[in-house]
Amino acid sequence: MATSDLPTVTLPSGEKVPQLGQGTWHMGESGRRRGEEVAALKLGLDLGMTLIDTAELYADAELVVAEAIKAAGNDGQATGVAMKHLKSTGAVVSGKDVAAVVKTLRGS
């Protein structure tokens, strides 16, 4: 399925994102499953699922996402990563925090 075949929703910002994405809850919790988790996300990316949902509470899921994106290579498809932040942690998301996540996802 090509990315253009996926139904989209329009965000309040006007940006369109796929209705269907991949979740990462419980990913990154076990080193024994790391290869399978990366392979599952990579397969989704290879099939045109370019939206990946993750959150700060999902252990090392960001690292799994980064590995999968790197393994999938850059074939011209953009990958969107939806990050959720839990207000009750007391943490404040800043531009610096976002830059750190992007750096992690890029593997640099």
C-alpha atoms as a PDB file:
ATOM      1  CA  MET A   1       0.000   0.000   0.000  1.00  0.00           C
ATOM      2  CA  ALA A   2       1.480   3.323  -0.992  1.00  0.00           C
ATOM      3  CA  THR A   3       1.422   6.164   1.508  1.00  0.00           C
ATOM      4  CA  SER A   4      -0.843   8.138  -0.819  1.00  0.00           C
ATOM      5  CA  ASP A   5      -3.431   5.311  -0.566  1.00  0.00           C
ATOM      6  CA  LEU A   6      -3.856   5.767   3.190  1.00  0.00           C
ATOM      7  CA  PRO A   7      -6.828   7.831   4.371  1.00  0.00           C
ATOM      8  CA  THR A   8      -5.764  10.989   6.209  1.00  0.00           C
ATOM      9  CA  VAL A   9      -7.139  13.347   8.820  1.00  0.00           C
ATOM     10  CA  THR A  10      -6.501  17.065   8.880  1.00  0.00           C
ATOM     11  CA  LEU A  11      -5.122  18.504  12.111  1.00  0.00           C
ATOM     12  CA  PRO A  12      -6.180  21.947  13.369  1.00  0.00           C
ATOM     13  CA  SER A  13      -2.875  23.234  11.954  1.00  0.00           C
ATOM     14  CA  GLY A  14      -3.980  22.137   8.485  1.00  0.00           C
ATOM     15  CA  GLU A  15      -1.379  19.376   8.314  1.00  0.00           C
ATOM     16  CA  LYS A  16      -2.634  16.023   7.026  1.00  0.00           C
ATOM     17  CA  VAL A  17      -1.567  12.829   8.742  1.00  0.00           C
ATOM     18  CA  PRO A  18      -2.444   9.187   8.080  1.00  0.00           C
ATOM     19  CA  GLN A  19      -5.473   7.832   9.965  1.00  0.00           C
ATOM     20  CA  LEU A  20      -3.569   4.623  10.625  1.00  0.00           C
ATOM     21  CA  GLY A  21      -0.257   4.447  12.405  1.00  0.00           C
ATOM     22  CA  GLN A  22       1.890   2.119  14.458  1.00  0.00           C
ATOM     23  CA  GLY A  23       1.981   2.160  18.249  1.00  0.00           C
ATOM     24  CA  THR A  24       4.977   1.487  20.458  1.00  0.00           C
ATOM     25  CA  TRP A  25       3.420   0.817  23.874  1.00  0.00           C
ATOM     26  CA  HIS A  26       5.548  -1.795  25.693  1.00  0.00           C
ATOM     27  CA  MET A  27       8.316  -1.544  23.088  1.00  0.00           C
ATOM     28  CA  GLY A  28      11.798  -0.966  24.441  1.00  0.00           C
ATOM     29  CA  GLU A  29      11.047  -2.708  27.727  1.00  0.00           C
ATOM     30  CA  SER A  30      12.967  -5.902  26.959  1.00  0.00           C
ATOM     31  CA  GLY A  31      16.301  -6.222  25.198  1.00  0.00           C
ATOM     32  CA  ARG A  32      15.325  -9.770  24.214  1.00  0.00           C
ATOM     33  CA  ARG A  33      12.462  -8.464  22.053  1.00  0.00           C
ATOM     34  CA  ARG A  34      14.346  -5.502  20.562  1.00  0.00           C
ATOM     35  CA  GLY A  35      15.040  -7.137  17.189  1.00  0.00           C
ATOM     36  CA  GLU A  36      11.412  -8.243  16.777  1.00  0.00           C
ATOM     37  CA  GLU A  37      10.139  -4.778  17.710  1.00  0.00           C
ATOM     38  CA  VAL A  38      12.449  -3.047  15.245  1.00  0.00           C
ATOM     39  CA  ALA A  39      11.452  -5.553  12.540  1.00  0.00           C
ATOM     40  CA  ALA A  40       7.732  -4.981  13.198  1.00  0.00           C
ATOM     41  CA  LEU A  41       8.033  -1.189  12.890  1.00  0.00           C
ATOM     42  CA  LYS A  42      10.291  -1.515   9.849  1.00  0.00           C
ATOM     43  CA  LEU A  43       7.748  -3.775   8.140  1.00  0.00           C
ATOM     44  CA  GLY A  44       5.040  -1.195   8.733  1.00  0.00           C
ATOM     45  CA  LEU A  45       7.280   1.535   7.309  1.00  0.00           C
ATOM     46  CA  ASP A  46       8.106  -0.656   4.317  1.00  0.00           C
ATOM     47  CA  LEU A  47       4.364  -1.113   3.727  1.00  0.00           C
ATOM     48  CA  GLY A  48       3.751   2.646   3.767  1.00  0.00           C
ATOM     49  CA  MET A  49       2.653   3.214   7.351  1.00  0.00           C
ATOM     50  CA  THR A  50       4.560   6.396   8.019  1.00  0.00           C
ATOM     51  CA  LEU A  51       3.022   7.504  11.341  1.00  0.00           C
ATOM     52  CA  ILE A  52       4.493   6.096  14.547  1.00  0.00           C
ATOM     53  CA  ASP A  53       2.984   6.887  17.945  1.00  0.00           C
ATOM     54  CA  THR A  54       5.115   6.855  21.093  1.00  0.00           C
ATOM     55  CA  ALA A  55       5.340   8.548  24.487  1.00  0.00           C
ATOM     56  CA  GLU A  56       7.861   9.474  27.134  1.00  0.00           C
ATOM     57  CA  LEU A  57       6.488   6.728  29.388  1.00  0.00           C
ATOM     58  CA  TYR A  58       7.194   3.942  26.898  1.00  0.00           C
ATOM     59  CA  ALA A  59      10.601   2.914  28.285  1.00  0.00           C
ATOM     60  CA  ASP A  60      13.151   3.013  25.442  1.00  0.00           C
ATOM     61  CA  ALA A  61      10.560   2.997  22.656  1.00  0.00           C
ATOM     62  CA  GLU A  62      12.188   6.066  21.066  1.00  0.00           C
ATOM     63  CA  LEU A  63      15.359   4.042  20.534  1.00  0.00           C
ATOM     64  CA  VAL A  64      13.369   1.215  18.927  1.00  0.00           C
ATOM     65  CA  VAL A  65      11.671   3.767  16.643  1.00  0.00           C
ATOM     66  CA  ALA A  66      15.054   5.268  15.729  1.00  0.00           C
ATOM     67  CA  GLU A  67      16.457   1.838  14.834  1.00  0.00           C
ATOM     68  CA  ALA A  68      13.410   0.982  12.717  1.00  0.00           C
ATOM     69  CA  ILE A  69      13.546   4.272  10.802  1.00  0.00           C
ATOM     70  CA  LYS A  70      17.271   3.792  10.197  1.00  0.00           C
ATOM     71  CA  ALA A  71      16.737   0.160   9.112  1.00  0.00           C
ATOM     72  CA  ALA A  72      13.970   1.178   6.700  1.00  0.00           C
ATOM     73  CA  GLY A  73      16.323   3.622   5.002  1.00  0.00           C
ATOM     74  CA  ASN A  74      15.278   6.810   3.275  1.00  0.00           C
ATOM     75  CA  ASP A  75      13.225   5.892   0.234  1.00  0.00           C
ATOM     76  CA  GLY A  76      11.636   9.317  -0.092  1.00  0.00           C
ATOM     77  CA  GLN A  77       8.818   8.684   2.373  1.00  0.00           C
ATOM     78  CA  ALA A  78       8.526  11.029   5.321  1.00  0.00           C
ATOM     79  CA  THR A  79       8.059   9.445   8.718  1.00  0.00           C
ATOM     80  CA  GLY A  80       5.948  11.222  11.306  1.00  0.00           C
ATOM     81  CA  VAL A  81       6.401  10.486  14.978  1.00  0.00           C
ATOM     82  CA  ALA A  82       3.626  11.474  17.380  1.00  0.00           C
ATOM     83  CA  MET A  83       5.003  12.029  20.874  1.00  0.00           C
ATOM     84  CA  LYS A  84       2.736  12.185  23.906  1.00  0.00           C
ATOM     85  CA  HIS A  85       3.783  14.052  27.037  1.00  0.00           C
ATOM     86  CA  LEU A  86       2.216  13.380  30.423  1.00  0.00           C
ATOM     87  CA  LYS A  87       1.646  16.611  32.360  1.00  0.00           C
ATOM     88  CA  SER A  88       1.552  14.823  35.718  1.00  0.00           C
ATOM     89  CA  THR A  89       5.269  14.004  35.477  1.00  0.00           C
ATOM     90  CA  GLY A  90       5.973  17.669  36.102  1.00  0.00           C
ATOM     91  CA  ALA A  91       8.349  17.764  33.161  1.00  0.00           C
ATOM     92  CA  VAL A  92       8.199  20.681  30.780  1.00  0.00           C
ATOM     93  CA  VAL A  93       8.615  20.069  27.078  1.00  0.00           C
ATOM     94  CA  SER A  94      10.881  22.688  25.604  1.00  0.00           C
ATOM     95  CA  GLY A  95      12.551  23.200  22.263  1.00  0.00           C
ATOM     96  CA  LYS A  96      15.651  21.616  23.788  1.00  0.00           C
ATOM     97  CA  ASP A  97      13.642  18.495  24.777  1.00  0.00           C
ATOM     98  CA  VAL A  98      12.199  18.208  21.281  1.00  0.00           C
ATOM     99  CA  ALA A  99      15.667  18.614  19.759  1.00  0.00           C
ATOM    100  CA  ALA A 100      16.943  15.769  21.967  1.00  0.00           C
ATOM    101  CA  VAL A 101      14.131  13.487  20.788  1.00  0.00           C
ATOM    102  CA  VAL A 102      14.838  14.341  17.150  1.00  0.00           C
ATOM    103  CA  LYS A 103      18.540  13.643  17.726  1.00  0.00           C
ATOM    104  CA  THR A 104      17.660  10.254  19.255  1.00  0.00           C
ATOM    105  CA  LEU A 105      15.349   9.373  16.389  1.00  0.00           C
ATOM    106  CA  ARG A 106      18.001  10.311  13.839  1.00  0.00           C
ATOM    107  CA  GLY A 107      20.508   8.141  15.667  1.00  0.00           C
ATOM    108  CA  SER A 108      22.994  10.978  16.025  1.00  0.00           C
END
